[in-house]
Amino acid sequence: MHQLLGTSKLSDVVEASVGNLVDADLAKESAKLQALQVKQQLGVQALSIANQAPQAIMSLFR
């Protein structure tokens, strides 16, 4: 009976540990995704600014 109780506790610990690893991986991947989304937004803004600059210069000659 004592060994069965120990196995049950071990199983609980292993299950909790796996859950913690999954949670940690999800948090890490979520942070990576957020960083990539910010980079993408900055790239879009940079292209927008770059595309506006020639138009502004050309408007000076009109």
N, C-alpha and C. Protein backbone atom coordinates (compact mmCIF):
# COMPACT_ATOMS: atom_id res chain seq x y z
N MET A 1 0.83 -1.19 0.00
CA MET A 1 0.00 0.00 0.00
C MET A 1 0.87 1.25 0.00
N HIS A 2 1.96 1.24 0.79
CA HIS A 2 2.85 2.39 0.88
C HIS A 2 3.49 2.68 -0.49
N GLN A 3 3.88 1.62 -1.20
CA GLN A 3 4.50 1.79 -2.51
C GLN A 3 3.49 2.35 -3.52
N LEU A 4 2.24 1.93 -3.42
CA LEU A 4 1.19 2.42 -4.31
C LEU A 4 0.97 3.91 -4.09
N LEU A 5 0.97 4.33 -2.84
CA LEU A 5 0.80 5.74 -2.51
C LEU A 5 1.97 6.56 -3.06
N GLY A 6 3.18 6.03 -2.95
CA GLY A 6 4.37 6.70 -3.47
C GLY A 6 4.32 6.82 -4.98
N THR A 7 3.84 5.79 -5.66
CA THR A 7 3.70 5.82 -7.11
C THR A 7 2.68 6.86 -7.53
N SER A 8 1.61 6.96 -6.78
CA SER A 8 0.58 7.94 -7.07
C SER A 8 1.12 9.36 -6.94
N LYS A 9 1.89 9.60 -5.88
CA LYS A 9 2.49 10.92 -5.68
C LYS A 9 3.49 11.23 -6.79
N LEU A 10 4.28 10.23 -7.17
CA LEU A 10 5.25 10.40 -8.24
C LEU A 10 4.53 10.75 -9.54
N SER A 11 3.45 10.06 -9.80
CA SER A 11 2.66 10.33 -11.00
C SER A 11 2.14 11.76 -10.99
N ASP A 12 1.67 12.23 -9.83
CA ASP A 12 1.18 13.60 -9.71
C ASP A 12 2.29 14.61 -9.97
N VAL A 13 3.47 14.33 -9.43
CA VAL A 13 4.61 15.23 -9.61
C VAL A 13 5.01 15.28 -11.08
N VAL A 14 5.07 14.12 -11.72
CA VAL A 14 5.43 14.08 -13.14
C VAL A 14 4.40 14.82 -13.98
N GLU A 15 3.14 14.61 -13.69
CA GLU A 15 2.07 15.28 -14.43
C GLU A 15 2.16 16.79 -14.26
N ALA A 16 2.39 17.24 -13.04
CA ALA A 16 2.52 18.68 -12.78
C ALA A 16 3.74 19.25 -13.49
N SER A 17 4.83 18.50 -13.50
CA SER A 17 6.05 18.97 -14.16
C SER A 17 5.85 19.11 -15.66
N VAL A 18 5.20 18.13 -16.26
CA VAL A 18 4.92 18.21 -17.69
C VAL A 18 4.02 19.40 -17.98
N GLY A 19 3.04 19.62 -17.14
CA GLY A 19 2.16 20.78 -17.30
C GLY A 19 2.93 22.08 -17.22
N ASN A 20 3.87 22.16 -16.30
CA ASN A 20 4.69 23.37 -16.18
C ASN A 20 5.56 23.59 -17.41
N LEU A 21 6.11 22.50 -17.96
CA LEU A 21 6.92 22.62 -19.17
C LEU A 21 6.09 23.11 -20.34
N VAL A 22 4.90 22.57 -20.49
CA VAL A 22 4.02 22.99 -21.57
C VAL A 22 3.67 24.47 -21.41
N ASP A 23 3.35 24.88 -20.18
CA ASP A 23 3.03 26.28 -19.92
C ASP A 23 4.22 27.18 -20.26
N ALA A 24 5.42 26.75 -19.89
CA ALA A 24 6.62 27.53 -20.15
C ALA A 24 6.86 27.65 -21.65
N ASP A 25 6.67 26.54 -22.39
CA ASP A 25 6.85 26.56 -23.84
C ASP A 25 5.82 27.49 -24.49
N LEU A 26 4.59 27.45 -24.02
CA LEU A 26 3.55 28.32 -24.58
C LEU A 26 3.89 29.78 -24.34
N ALA A 27 4.37 30.10 -23.16
CA ALA A 27 4.74 31.48 -22.85
C ALA A 27 5.90 31.93 -23.73
N LYS A 28 6.87 31.05 -23.91
CA LYS A 28 8.04 31.38 -24.74
C LYS A 28 7.63 31.60 -26.19
N GLU A 29 6.81 30.70 -26.71
CA GLU A 29 6.36 30.81 -28.10
C GLU A 29 5.47 32.03 -28.30
N SER A 30 4.67 32.34 -27.30
CA SER A 30 3.81 33.52 -27.37
C SER A 30 4.66 34.79 -27.44
N ALA A 31 5.72 34.83 -26.65
CA ALA A 31 6.62 35.98 -26.67
C ALA A 31 7.32 36.10 -28.03
N LYS A 32 7.73 34.96 -28.59
CA LYS A 32 8.36 34.97 -29.91
C LYS A 32 7.40 35.50 -30.97
N LEU A 33 6.15 35.03 -30.91
CA LEU A 33 5.15 35.47 -31.88
C LEU A 33 4.92 36.97 -31.77
N GLN A 34 4.81 37.45 -30.56
CA GLN A 34 4.59 38.88 -30.34
C GLN A 34 5.76 39.70 -30.89
N ALA A 35 6.97 39.23 -30.67
CA ALA A 35 8.16 39.93 -31.17
C ALA A 35 8.16 39.95 -32.70
N LEU A 36 7.80 38.84 -33.32
CA LEU A 36 7.75 38.79 -34.78
C LEU A 36 6.67 39.71 -35.34
N GLN A 37 5.54 39.79 -34.65
CA GLN A 37 4.46 40.68 -35.10
C GLN A 37 4.89 42.14 -35.02
N VAL A 38 5.62 42.50 -33.97
CA VAL A 38 6.12 43.87 -33.83
C VAL A 38 7.11 44.17 -34.95
N LYS A 39 8.00 43.22 -35.25
CA LYS A 39 8.97 43.41 -36.33
C LYS A 39 8.24 43.61 -37.66
N GLN A 40 7.20 42.82 -37.88
CA GLN A 40 6.44 42.94 -39.13
C GLN A 40 5.78 44.31 -39.22
N GLN A 41 5.19 44.77 -38.13
CA GLN A 41 4.54 46.08 -38.12
C GLN A 41 5.56 47.20 -38.39
N LEU A 42 6.74 47.08 -37.79
CA LEU A 42 7.78 48.08 -38.02
C LEU A 42 8.23 48.07 -39.48
N GLY A 43 8.32 46.89 -40.07
CA GLY A 43 8.68 46.78 -41.48
C GLY A 43 7.66 47.44 -42.38
N VAL A 44 6.39 47.22 -42.09
CA VAL A 44 5.31 47.83 -42.88
C VAL A 44 5.37 49.35 -42.75
N GLN A 45 5.59 49.84 -41.54
CA GLN A 45 5.68 51.29 -41.33
C GLN A 45 6.89 51.88 -42.06
N ALA A 46 8.01 51.17 -42.03
CA ALA A 46 9.21 51.64 -42.71
C ALA A 46 8.97 51.73 -44.21
N LEU A 47 8.30 50.73 -44.78
CA LEU A 47 7.99 50.76 -46.21
C LEU A 47 7.05 51.91 -46.54
N SER A 48 6.10 52.13 -45.68
CA SER A 48 5.15 53.23 -45.89
C SER A 48 5.88 54.57 -45.91
N ILE A 49 6.78 54.76 -44.96
CA ILE A 49 7.56 56.01 -44.90
C ILE A 49 8.46 56.14 -46.13
N ALA A 50 9.09 55.03 -46.51
CA ALA A 50 9.98 55.05 -47.68
C ALA A 50 9.20 55.37 -48.95
N ASN A 51 7.98 54.88 -49.06
CA ASN A 51 7.17 55.15 -50.24
C ASN A 51 6.64 56.58 -50.27
N GLN A 52 6.50 57.20 -49.12
CA GLN A 52 6.00 58.57 -49.06
C GLN A 52 7.10 59.58 -49.37
N ALA A 53 8.32 59.26 -49.06
CA ALA A 53 9.43 60.20 -49.24
C ALA A 53 9.57 60.66 -50.70
N PRO A 54 9.60 59.77 -51.69
CA PRO A 54 9.73 60.24 -53.08
C PRO A 54 8.55 61.13 -53.50
N GLN A 55 7.37 60.81 -53.03
CA GLN A 55 6.20 61.62 -53.38
C GLN A 55 6.34 63.03 -52.80
N ALA A 56 6.85 63.13 -51.60
CA ALA A 56 7.04 64.44 -50.97
C ALA A 56 8.08 65.25 -51.74
N ILE A 57 9.14 64.62 -52.17
CA ILE A 57 10.19 65.31 -52.93
C ILE A 57 9.64 65.77 -54.28
N MET A 58 8.89 64.91 -54.93
CA MET A 58 8.31 65.26 -56.23
C MET A 58 7.32 66.42 -56.11
N SER A 59 6.62 66.49 -54.99
CA SER A 59 5.65 67.58 -54.82
C SER A 59 6.35 68.94 -54.72
N LEU A 60 7.61 68.96 -54.35
CA LEU A 60 8.36 70.21 -54.30
C LEU A 60 8.60 70.79 -55.69
N PHE A 61 8.62 69.93 -56.71
CA PHE A 61 8.89 70.37 -58.07
C PHE A 61 7.63 70.72 -58.85
N ARG A 62 6.50 70.56 -58.25
CA ARG A 62 5.24 70.86 -58.94
C ARG A 62 4.88 72.30 -58.83
